[in-house]
Amino acid sequence: MLQHPSSALITINDKETIRVLHVDDDDSILEISKQILTDLNSHFDIDQACCVDDAFKKLAVENYDVVISDYEMPQKDVSNF
């Protein structure tokens, strides 16, 4: 039997916490996004970084299931790599 994709996601999320690193240079975007993700699912554990360097430091010492990042960041964005 086929399962609807969203129901599979809900099943996975109910079993364990999903660790999220959200990277954005805009504090208001970080806070709004955290609230939206928390409202969607209480199993999200959301960590935030305000710059690329901070994100790299966190990634060096922590494990995350997913990283959500702004595409254009001061000093470092996709065009700089």
N, C-alpha and C. Protein backbone atom coordinates (compact mmCIF):
# COMPACT_ATOMS: atom_id res chain seq x y z
N MET A 1 0.84 -1.17 0.00
CA MET A 1 0.00 0.00 0.00
C MET A 1 0.89 1.24 0.00
N LEU A 2 0.54 2.23 -0.82
CA LEU A 2 1.30 3.47 -0.89
C LEU A 2 0.89 4.40 0.25
N GLN A 3 1.89 5.10 0.75
CA GLN A 3 1.65 6.05 1.82
C GLN A 3 1.83 7.45 1.28
N HIS A 4 0.97 8.35 1.70
CA HIS A 4 1.12 9.75 1.32
C HIS A 4 2.43 10.27 1.90
N PRO A 5 3.25 11.00 1.13
CA PRO A 5 4.56 11.46 1.61
C PRO A 5 4.49 12.22 2.94
N SER A 6 3.50 13.07 3.11
CA SER A 6 3.43 13.84 4.36
C SER A 6 3.15 12.94 5.56
N SER A 7 2.41 11.87 5.39
CA SER A 7 2.16 10.96 6.51
C SER A 7 3.42 10.20 6.88
N ALA A 8 4.27 9.91 5.90
CA ALA A 8 5.55 9.25 6.19
C ALA A 8 6.44 10.19 6.99
N LEU A 9 6.45 11.46 6.66
CA LEU A 9 7.24 12.44 7.37
C LEU A 9 6.77 12.57 8.82
N ILE A 10 5.47 12.59 9.00
CA ILE A 10 4.92 12.70 10.35
C ILE A 10 5.32 11.49 11.18
N THR A 11 5.29 10.31 10.60
CA THR A 11 5.69 9.10 11.31
C THR A 11 7.14 9.17 11.74
N ILE A 12 8.01 9.60 10.86
CA ILE A 12 9.43 9.72 11.18
C ILE A 12 9.63 10.75 12.29
N ASN A 13 8.98 11.90 12.16
CA ASN A 13 9.16 12.97 13.14
C ASN A 13 8.66 12.59 14.52
N ASP A 14 7.63 11.76 14.61
CA ASP A 14 7.10 11.37 15.89
C ASP A 14 8.06 10.47 16.66
N LYS A 15 8.98 9.83 15.98
CA LYS A 15 9.89 8.89 16.62
C LYS A 15 11.13 9.54 17.18
N GLU A 16 11.60 10.62 16.58
CA GLU A 16 12.85 11.23 17.03
C GLU A 16 12.89 12.71 16.71
N THR A 17 13.83 13.37 17.33
CA THR A 17 14.03 14.80 17.10
C THR A 17 14.83 15.00 15.82
N ILE A 18 14.45 16.00 15.05
CA ILE A 18 15.17 16.39 13.84
C ILE A 18 16.00 17.63 14.19
N ARG A 19 17.33 17.49 14.10
CA ARG A 19 18.22 18.61 14.42
C ARG A 19 18.43 19.47 13.18
N VAL A 20 18.11 20.76 13.31
CA VAL A 20 18.15 21.70 12.19
C VAL A 20 19.13 22.83 12.52
N LEU A 21 20.01 23.15 11.57
CA LEU A 21 20.84 24.34 11.67
C LEU A 21 20.34 25.33 10.62
N HIS A 22 19.90 26.49 11.08
CA HIS A 22 19.40 27.52 10.17
C HIS A 22 20.41 28.67 10.15
N VAL A 23 20.89 29.01 8.95
CA VAL A 23 21.92 30.03 8.78
C VAL A 23 21.33 31.20 7.99
N ASP A 24 21.36 32.38 8.60
CA ASP A 24 20.88 33.58 7.92
C ASP A 24 21.47 34.80 8.62
N ASP A 25 21.81 35.83 7.87
CA ASP A 25 22.37 37.04 8.46
C ASP A 25 21.30 38.00 8.95
N ASP A 26 20.04 37.68 8.74
CA ASP A 26 18.92 38.52 9.18
C ASP A 26 18.27 37.87 10.41
N ASP A 27 18.44 38.52 11.57
CA ASP A 27 17.90 37.97 12.82
C ASP A 27 16.39 37.76 12.78
N SER A 28 15.67 38.67 12.12
CA SER A 28 14.21 38.53 12.07
C SER A 28 13.80 37.29 11.27
N ILE A 29 14.52 36.99 10.21
CA ILE A 29 14.24 35.78 9.43
C ILE A 29 14.50 34.55 10.28
N LEU A 30 15.59 34.55 11.04
CA LEU A 30 15.90 33.42 11.91
C LEU A 30 14.78 33.18 12.91
N GLU A 31 14.31 34.24 13.54
CA GLU A 31 13.27 34.09 14.57
C GLU A 31 11.92 33.67 13.98
N ILE A 32 11.53 34.28 12.88
CA ILE A 32 10.26 33.93 12.24
C ILE A 32 10.29 32.48 11.76
N SER A 33 11.38 32.09 11.13
CA SER A 33 11.51 30.72 10.63
C SER A 33 11.49 29.72 11.77
N LYS A 34 12.15 30.04 12.86
CA LYS A 34 12.15 29.14 14.02
C LYS A 34 10.73 28.94 14.54
N GLN A 35 9.98 30.03 14.63
CA GLN A 35 8.60 29.94 15.11
C GLN A 35 7.75 29.10 14.17
N ILE A 36 7.90 29.31 12.87
CA ILE A 36 7.12 28.55 11.89
C ILE A 36 7.46 27.06 11.96
N LEU A 37 8.75 26.73 12.01
CA LEU A 37 9.16 25.33 12.08
C LEU A 37 8.69 24.67 13.37
N THR A 38 8.78 25.39 14.47
CA THR A 38 8.32 24.86 15.75
C THR A 38 6.82 24.63 15.74
N ASP A 39 6.07 25.54 15.12
CA ASP A 39 4.62 25.37 15.00
C ASP A 39 4.26 24.18 14.12
N LEU A 40 5.06 23.93 13.08
CA LEU A 40 4.81 22.80 12.19
C LEU A 40 5.03 21.46 12.88
N ASN A 41 6.09 21.41 13.69
CA ASN A 41 6.42 20.14 14.32
C ASN A 41 7.27 20.41 15.56
N SER A 42 6.79 19.95 16.70
CA SER A 42 7.51 20.20 17.95
C SER A 42 8.76 19.34 18.08
N HIS A 43 8.99 18.42 17.16
CA HIS A 43 10.17 17.55 17.21
C HIS A 43 11.39 18.15 16.54
N PHE A 44 11.25 19.37 15.98
CA PHE A 44 12.41 20.06 15.42
C PHE A 44 13.21 20.68 16.55
N ASP A 45 14.51 20.42 16.58
CA ASP A 45 15.45 21.07 17.49
C ASP A 45 16.25 22.04 16.64
N ILE A 46 15.97 23.33 16.75
CA ILE A 46 16.50 24.31 15.82
C ILE A 46 17.63 25.11 16.46
N ASP A 47 18.79 25.07 15.81
CA ASP A 47 19.95 25.87 16.20
C ASP A 47 20.13 26.92 15.11
N GLN A 48 20.68 28.07 15.49
CA GLN A 48 20.80 29.16 14.53
C GLN A 48 22.24 29.67 14.45
N ALA A 49 22.60 30.15 13.26
CA ALA A 49 23.90 30.80 13.05
C ALA A 49 23.64 32.05 12.22
N CYS A 50 24.31 33.15 12.61
CA CYS A 50 24.06 34.42 11.92
C CYS A 50 25.06 34.71 10.81
N CYS A 51 26.04 33.81 10.63
CA CYS A 51 27.00 33.99 9.55
C CYS A 51 27.59 32.62 9.17
N VAL A 52 28.23 32.58 8.03
CA VAL A 52 28.79 31.33 7.52
C VAL A 52 29.86 30.78 8.46
N ASP A 53 30.73 31.66 8.95
CA ASP A 53 31.80 31.20 9.84
C ASP A 53 31.24 30.56 11.10
N ASP A 54 30.20 31.16 11.67
CA ASP A 54 29.54 30.61 12.86
C ASP A 54 28.93 29.24 12.53
N ALA A 55 28.33 29.13 11.35
CA ALA A 55 27.74 27.85 10.93
C ALA A 55 28.80 26.77 10.81
N PHE A 56 29.95 27.11 10.20
CA PHE A 56 31.03 26.13 10.06
C PHE A 56 31.55 25.67 11.43
N LYS A 57 31.65 26.61 12.38
CA LYS A 57 32.09 26.24 13.74
C LYS A 57 31.11 25.28 14.39
N LYS A 58 29.82 25.55 14.23
CA LYS A 58 28.80 24.66 14.81
C LYS A 58 28.82 23.29 14.13
N LEU A 59 28.99 23.28 12.82
CA LEU A 59 29.03 22.01 12.09
C LEU A 59 30.24 21.17 12.47
N ALA A 60 31.30 21.82 12.92
CA ALA A 60 32.52 21.09 13.31
C ALA A 60 32.34 20.34 14.63
N VAL A 61 31.42 20.79 15.46
CA VAL A 61 31.27 20.17 16.78
C VAL A 61 29.90 19.53 17.02
N GLU A 62 28.93 19.82 16.18
CA GLU A 62 27.58 19.29 16.35
C GLU A 62 27.16 18.49 15.12
N ASN A 63 26.20 17.61 15.32
CA ASN A 63 25.60 16.86 14.21
C ASN A 63 24.20 17.40 13.94
N TYR A 64 23.91 17.64 12.68
CA TYR A 64 22.60 18.14 12.28
C TYR A 64 22.03 17.21 11.21
N ASP A 65 20.73 17.10 11.21
CA ASP A 65 20.05 16.31 10.18
C ASP A 65 19.85 17.12 8.91
N VAL A 66 19.71 18.43 9.07
CA VAL A 66 19.46 19.30 7.92
C VAL A 66 20.03 20.69 8.20
N VAL A 67 20.50 21.35 7.14
CA VAL A 67 20.95 22.74 7.23
C VAL A 67 20.09 23.56 6.26
N ILE A 68 19.51 24.62 6.79
CA ILE A 68 18.75 25.57 5.98
C ILE A 68 19.58 26.84 5.95
N SER A 69 19.92 27.31 4.75
CA SER A 69 20.80 28.47 4.67
C SER A 69 20.32 29.49 3.65
N ASP A 70 20.54 30.73 4.01
CA ASP A 70 20.35 31.84 3.08
C ASP A 70 21.32 31.63 1.92
N TYR A 71 20.91 32.00 0.74
CA TYR A 71 21.73 31.81 -0.46
C TYR A 71 22.82 32.87 -0.59
N GLU A 72 22.50 34.10 -0.20
CA GLU A 72 23.45 35.21 -0.29
C GLU A 72 23.76 35.73 1.10
N MET A 73 25.03 35.60 1.48
CA MET A 73 25.47 36.05 2.80
C MET A 73 26.65 37.00 2.62
N PRO A 74 26.80 37.98 3.53
CA PRO A 74 27.95 38.90 3.44
C PRO A 74 29.28 38.13 3.48
N GLN A 75 30.21 38.53 2.67
CA GLN A 75 31.54 37.96 2.54
C GLN A 75 31.55 36.54 1.96
N LYS A 76 30.56 35.72 2.23
CA LYS A 76 30.59 34.34 1.73
C LYS A 76 29.19 33.97 1.23
N ASP A 77 29.10 33.69 -0.02
CA ASP A 77 27.89 33.12 -0.59
C ASP A 77 28.32 32.19 -1.72
N VAL A 78 27.38 31.66 -2.42
CA VAL A 78 27.68 30.66 -3.44
C VAL A 78 28.65 31.18 -4.49
N SER A 79 28.60 32.46 -4.81
CA SER A 79 29.49 33.00 -5.85
C SER A 79 30.94 33.08 -5.39
N ASN A 80 31.22 32.97 -4.08
CA ASN A 80 32.57 33.05 -3.56
C ASN A 80 33.26 31.69 -3.48
N PHE A 81 32.58 30.62 -3.73
CA PHE A 81 33.19 29.28 -3.59
C PHE A 81 33.70 28.78 -4.92
